[in-house]
Amino acid sequence: MTTIRSLLDNVCAGGVLTVGDLAQVTRTSKRNVVRWRYRGATVRRDVEERLLELRAVVDLARKAMPDREARTWMRSPQPEFEGMRPLDAISEGKAFAVIDLLGSLVDAAVEAPIE
């Protein structure tokens, strides 16, 4: 069983996301994120769903690229999202578009010939 604390630890591992990023995506304060992560405070159902989507994005980003590159990619405007950053797309409920794009990147990396 995944707890909110372990979920938050997972998405923050390797510095891919920060407490500020989590606050942005869940549309709450950094203080609330800290309460969830370190004090085990309860989250609303919609926030839990957003965090689960975020974990799926971070897991795929880690398959597609190293943590440092994933961190930069999540914060960089992407033409596939009309110049929006992936973090912004996720906060607007478009996590599945980000997941689709990352899935394509992972597939391309797997299919690329090794030189």
Protein backbone atom coordinates (compact mmCIF):
# COMPACT_ATOMS: atom_id res chain seq x y z
CA MET A 1 0.00 0.00 0.00
CA THR A 2 1.33 3.39 -0.98
CA THR A 3 1.10 6.14 1.58
CA ILE A 4 1.04 9.82 0.71
CA ARG A 5 4.37 10.18 2.48
CA SER A 6 6.06 7.46 0.38
CA LEU A 7 4.45 8.85 -2.77
CA LEU A 8 5.86 12.32 -2.01
CA ASP A 9 9.26 10.86 -1.14
CA ASN A 10 9.25 9.04 -4.48
CA VAL A 11 8.49 12.08 -6.62
CA CYS A 12 11.03 14.22 -4.73
CA ALA A 13 13.81 11.60 -4.89
CA GLY A 14 16.81 12.64 -6.93
CA GLY A 15 15.71 16.27 -6.85
CA VAL A 16 13.34 15.88 -9.79
CA LEU A 17 10.64 17.84 -7.95
CA THR A 18 10.63 20.17 -4.97
CA VAL A 19 8.07 20.99 -2.31
CA GLY A 20 7.33 24.13 -4.33
CA ASP A 21 6.63 22.05 -7.43
CA LEU A 22 4.26 19.83 -5.47
CA ALA A 23 2.47 22.87 -4.08
CA GLN A 24 2.06 24.26 -7.60
CA VAL A 25 0.74 21.02 -9.07
CA THR A 26 -1.71 20.43 -6.22
CA ARG A 27 -2.63 24.11 -6.02
CA THR A 28 -1.88 24.42 -2.35
CA SER A 29 0.79 25.92 -0.11
CA LYS A 30 4.27 24.59 0.55
CA ARG A 31 3.22 24.36 4.19
CA ASN A 32 0.47 21.87 3.32
CA VAL A 33 2.89 19.75 1.30
CA VAL A 34 5.31 19.67 4.23
CA ARG A 35 2.44 18.65 6.53
CA TRP A 36 1.51 15.81 4.15
CA ARG A 37 5.09 14.63 3.74
CA TYR A 38 6.45 14.90 7.26
CA ARG A 39 3.43 14.88 9.54
CA GLY A 40 1.18 12.46 7.70
CA ALA A 41 -1.65 14.96 7.29
CA THR A 42 -4.61 13.75 5.24
CA VAL A 43 -5.06 14.94 1.66
CA ARG A 44 -8.29 15.43 -0.25
CA ARG A 45 -9.22 12.80 -2.82
CA ASP A 46 -8.63 15.14 -5.79
CA VAL A 47 -5.16 16.00 -4.46
CA GLU A 48 -4.35 12.32 -4.01
CA GLU A 49 -5.36 11.66 -7.63
CA ARG A 50 -3.19 14.54 -8.86
CA LEU A 51 -0.23 13.21 -6.85
CA LEU A 52 -0.70 9.73 -8.30
CA GLU A 53 -0.72 11.21 -11.81
CA LEU A 54 2.42 13.15 -10.93
CA ARG A 55 4.14 9.98 -9.74
CA ALA A 56 3.34 8.31 -13.07
CA VAL A 57 4.87 11.29 -14.89
CA VAL A 58 8.01 11.29 -12.74
CA ASP A 59 8.44 7.53 -13.09
CA LEU A 60 8.26 7.80 -16.89
CA ALA A 61 10.56 10.83 -16.94
CA ARG A 62 13.13 8.79 -15.01
CA LYS A 63 12.89 6.03 -17.62
CA ALA A 64 13.40 8.55 -20.41
CA MET A 65 16.27 10.54 -18.88
CA PRO A 66 18.52 10.98 -15.83
CA ASP A 67 17.04 12.82 -12.81
CA ARG A 68 18.83 16.10 -13.50
CA GLU A 69 17.57 16.17 -17.09
CA ALA A 70 14.07 15.19 -15.91
CA ARG A 71 14.11 18.12 -13.48
CA THR A 72 15.03 20.53 -16.28
CA TRP A 73 12.53 19.00 -18.72
CA MET A 74 9.65 19.32 -16.23
CA ARG A 75 10.39 23.06 -15.90
CA SER A 76 11.05 23.87 -19.56
CA PRO A 77 8.44 25.08 -22.06
CA GLN A 78 7.59 22.29 -24.48
CA PRO A 79 6.31 22.83 -28.03
CA GLU A 80 4.02 19.80 -27.66
CA PHE A 81 2.15 21.73 -24.94
CA GLU A 82 2.05 25.01 -26.90
CA GLY A 83 5.02 26.33 -24.95
CA MET A 84 3.61 25.32 -21.57
CA ARG A 85 5.89 23.60 -19.05
CA PRO A 86 4.99 19.98 -18.17
CA LEU A 87 4.50 21.04 -14.53
CA ASP A 88 1.96 23.63 -15.67
CA ALA A 89 0.18 21.08 -17.86
CA ILE A 90 -0.08 18.68 -14.92
CA SER A 91 -1.41 21.41 -12.62
CA GLU A 92 -4.10 22.13 -15.23
CA GLY A 93 -5.21 18.49 -15.26
CA LYS A 94 -3.36 17.47 -18.43
CA ALA A 95 -1.13 14.83 -16.88
CA PHE A 96 -2.16 12.23 -19.44
CA ALA A 97 -0.85 14.40 -22.29
CA VAL A 98 2.49 14.59 -20.45
CA ILE A 99 2.41 10.82 -19.89
CA ASP A 100 1.73 10.23 -23.60
CA LEU A 101 4.67 12.42 -24.61
CA LEU A 102 7.02 10.76 -22.12
CA GLY A 103 5.83 7.35 -23.27
CA SER A 104 6.84 8.30 -26.80
CA LEU A 105 10.25 9.42 -25.56
CA VAL A 106 10.76 6.15 -23.69
CA ASP A 107 9.68 4.13 -26.74
CA ALA A 108 12.04 6.12 -28.98
CA ALA A 109 14.92 5.54 -26.58
CA VAL A 110 14.24 1.79 -26.53
CA GLU A 111 14.00 1.60 -30.34
CA ALA A 112 17.09 3.75 -31.00
CA PRO A 113 20.05 1.74 -32.29
CA ILE A 114 23.05 1.59 -29.99
CA GLU A 115 26.12 3.06 -31.63
